[in-house]
Amino acid sequence: MGVCVIPYDGVDEAVRLANDSVYGLSGSVWTKDSEKGLAVARGIRTGGLTINNATADLLSPFGGFKQSGIGREFGPEAINHYIEHKAIAV
């Protein structure tokens, strides 16, 4: 198994590097500082993200951003693909 490591200078650059991709299916943040990890996770554009190998809820809506998937699976968000809203004024 291989690992890809990209050096960075500071959290802002790490988030920029993580977002510098046409894909955004999922990601992971590893840290000893859970508050900082949550802030970093909020800045990364992925459909799902874990912090310190947390278990993702497989029943929650899931899907990617950018060129990683279309829409969401599971949850009420998945039903929106089948709904067309119409406004009628009388």
C-alpha atoms as a PDB file:
ATOM      1  CA  MET A   1       0.000   0.000   0.000  1.00  0.00           C
ATOM      2  CA  GLY A   2       1.307   3.450  -0.876  1.00  0.00           C
ATOM      3  CA  VAL A   3       0.750   6.817   0.703  1.00  0.00           C
ATOM      4  CA  CYS A   4       0.865  10.209  -0.979  1.00  0.00           C
ATOM      5  CA  VAL A   5       2.144  13.057   1.192  1.00  0.00           C
ATOM      6  CA  ILE A   6       2.129  16.701   0.119  1.00  0.00           C
ATOM      7  CA  PRO A   7       3.942  19.184   2.358  1.00  0.00           C
ATOM      8  CA  TYR A   8       2.109  22.405   3.262  1.00  0.00           C
ATOM      9  CA  ASP A   9       2.696  25.598   5.243  1.00  0.00           C
ATOM     10  CA  GLY A  10      -0.266  26.196   7.535  1.00  0.00           C
ATOM     11  CA  VAL A  11      -3.883  25.129   7.706  1.00  0.00           C
ATOM     12  CA  ASP A  12      -5.101  27.545   5.021  1.00  0.00           C
ATOM     13  CA  GLU A  13      -2.685  26.098   2.480  1.00  0.00           C
ATOM     14  CA  ALA A  14      -3.640  22.534   3.459  1.00  0.00           C
ATOM     15  CA  VAL A  15      -7.334  23.321   2.814  1.00  0.00           C
ATOM     16  CA  ARG A  16      -6.457  25.033  -0.479  1.00  0.00           C
ATOM     17  CA  LEU A  17      -4.451  21.987  -1.592  1.00  0.00           C
ATOM     18  CA  ALA A  18      -7.264  19.635  -0.584  1.00  0.00           C
ATOM     19  CA  ASN A  19      -9.757  21.673  -2.620  1.00  0.00           C
ATOM     20  CA  ASP A  20      -7.444  21.940  -5.648  1.00  0.00           C
ATOM     21  CA  SER A  21      -9.074  19.017  -7.441  1.00  0.00           C
ATOM     22  CA  VAL A  22     -11.947  18.447  -9.839  1.00  0.00           C
ATOM     23  CA  TYR A  23     -13.133  15.688  -7.486  1.00  0.00           C
ATOM     24  CA  GLY A  24     -14.713  15.837  -4.053  1.00  0.00           C
ATOM     25  CA  LEU A  25     -16.211  12.509  -3.025  1.00  0.00           C
ATOM     26  CA  SER A  26     -14.786  12.149   0.476  1.00  0.00           C
ATOM     27  CA  GLY A  27     -11.849  13.021   2.658  1.00  0.00           C
ATOM     28  CA  SER A  28     -10.337  12.651   6.084  1.00  0.00           C
ATOM     29  CA  VAL A  29      -8.701  14.977   8.585  1.00  0.00           C
ATOM     30  CA  TRP A  30      -6.287  13.668  11.203  1.00  0.00           C
ATOM     31  CA  THR A  31      -5.510  15.881  14.204  1.00  0.00           C
ATOM     32  CA  LYS A  32      -5.056  16.022  17.972  1.00  0.00           C
ATOM     33  CA  ASP A  33      -7.087  19.271  18.098  1.00  0.00           C
ATOM     34  CA  SER A  34     -10.733  18.336  17.421  1.00  0.00           C
ATOM     35  CA  GLU A  35     -11.940  21.951  17.148  1.00  0.00           C
ATOM     36  CA  LYS A  36      -9.290  22.800  14.563  1.00  0.00           C
ATOM     37  CA  GLY A  37     -10.069  19.525  12.761  1.00  0.00           C
ATOM     38  CA  LEU A  38     -13.731  20.479  12.541  1.00  0.00           C
ATOM     39  CA  ALA A  39     -12.824  23.910  11.162  1.00  0.00           C
ATOM     40  CA  VAL A  40     -10.599  22.295   8.522  1.00  0.00           C
ATOM     41  CA  ALA A  41     -13.318  19.749   7.658  1.00  0.00           C
ATOM     42  CA  ARG A  42     -15.824  22.566   7.091  1.00  0.00           C
ATOM     43  CA  GLY A  43     -13.436  24.196   4.628  1.00  0.00           C
ATOM     44  CA  ILE A  44     -12.826  21.120   2.469  1.00  0.00           C
ATOM     45  CA  ARG A  45     -15.309  20.683  -0.419  1.00  0.00           C
ATOM     46  CA  THR A  46     -16.185  17.001  -0.261  1.00  0.00           C
ATOM     47  CA  GLY A  47     -19.506  15.209   0.001  1.00  0.00           C
ATOM     48  CA  GLY A  48     -18.342  13.340   3.093  1.00  0.00           C
ATOM     49  CA  LEU A  49     -15.495  13.771   5.517  1.00  0.00           C
ATOM     50  CA  THR A  50     -14.318  11.955   8.622  1.00  0.00           C
ATOM     51  CA  ILE A  51     -12.151  13.239  11.427  1.00  0.00           C
ATOM     52  CA  ASN A  52      -9.643  10.820  12.959  1.00  0.00           C
ATOM     53  CA  ASN A  53     -11.151   7.790  11.210  1.00  0.00           C
ATOM     54  CA  ALA A  54     -14.662   8.337  12.600  1.00  0.00           C
ATOM     55  CA  THR A  55     -17.337   5.999  11.257  1.00  0.00           C
ATOM     56  CA  ALA A  56     -19.602   7.624   8.681  1.00  0.00           C
ATOM     57  CA  ASP A  57     -23.366   7.202   9.120  1.00  0.00           C
ATOM     58  CA  LEU A  58     -24.304   5.065   6.133  1.00  0.00           C
ATOM     59  CA  LEU A  59     -27.984   6.045   6.428  1.00  0.00           C
ATOM     60  CA  SER A  60     -27.316   9.766   6.073  1.00  0.00           C
ATOM     61  CA  PRO A  61     -27.419  11.471   2.651  1.00  0.00           C
ATOM     62  CA  PHE A  62     -24.266  10.677   0.684  1.00  0.00           C
ATOM     63  CA  GLY A  63     -22.791  12.016  -2.522  1.00  0.00           C
ATOM     64  CA  GLY A  64     -19.867  13.942  -3.896  1.00  0.00           C
ATOM     65  CA  PHE A  65     -19.092  17.493  -4.906  1.00  0.00           C
ATOM     66  CA  LYS A  66     -17.690  18.742  -8.195  1.00  0.00           C
ATOM     67  CA  GLN A  67     -17.081  15.829 -10.623  1.00  0.00           C
ATOM     68  CA  SER A  68     -17.649  13.148  -7.966  1.00  0.00           C
ATOM     69  CA  GLY A  69     -21.183  11.972  -8.409  1.00  0.00           C
ATOM     70  CA  ILE A  70     -24.516  13.592  -9.009  1.00  0.00           C
ATOM     71  CA  GLY A  71     -27.054  14.234  -6.283  1.00  0.00           C
ATOM     72  CA  ARG A  72     -27.453  12.415  -2.989  1.00  0.00           C
ATOM     73  CA  GLU A  73     -28.339   8.891  -1.970  1.00  0.00           C
ATOM     74  CA  PHE A  74     -30.403   8.072   1.143  1.00  0.00           C
ATOM     75  CA  GLY A  75     -32.299  10.464   3.384  1.00  0.00           C
ATOM     76  CA  PRO A  76     -34.872  13.089   2.425  1.00  0.00           C
ATOM     77  CA  GLU A  77     -32.386  14.816   0.109  1.00  0.00           C
ATOM     78  CA  ALA A  78     -32.510  11.811  -2.237  1.00  0.00           C
ATOM     79  CA  ILE A  79     -36.248  12.279  -2.802  1.00  0.00           C
ATOM     80  CA  ASN A  80     -35.697  15.781  -4.202  1.00  0.00           C
ATOM     81  CA  HIS A  81     -34.585  14.196  -7.511  1.00  0.00           C
ATOM     82  CA  TYR A  82     -38.143  12.980  -8.026  1.00  0.00           C
ATOM     83  CA  ILE A  83     -39.972  16.170  -7.027  1.00  0.00           C
ATOM     84  CA  GLU A  84     -40.936  18.984  -9.351  1.00  0.00           C
ATOM     85  CA  HIS A  85     -42.353  22.054  -7.645  1.00  0.00           C
ATOM     86  CA  LYS A  86     -45.073  24.066  -9.327  1.00  0.00           C
ATOM     87  CA  ALA A  87     -46.593  27.384  -8.230  1.00  0.00           C
ATOM     88  CA  ILE A  88     -50.151  28.073  -9.402  1.00  0.00           C
ATOM     89  CA  ALA A  89     -51.718  31.493  -8.892  1.00  0.00           C
ATOM     90  CA  VAL A  90     -55.492  31.867  -9.235  1.00  0.00           C
END
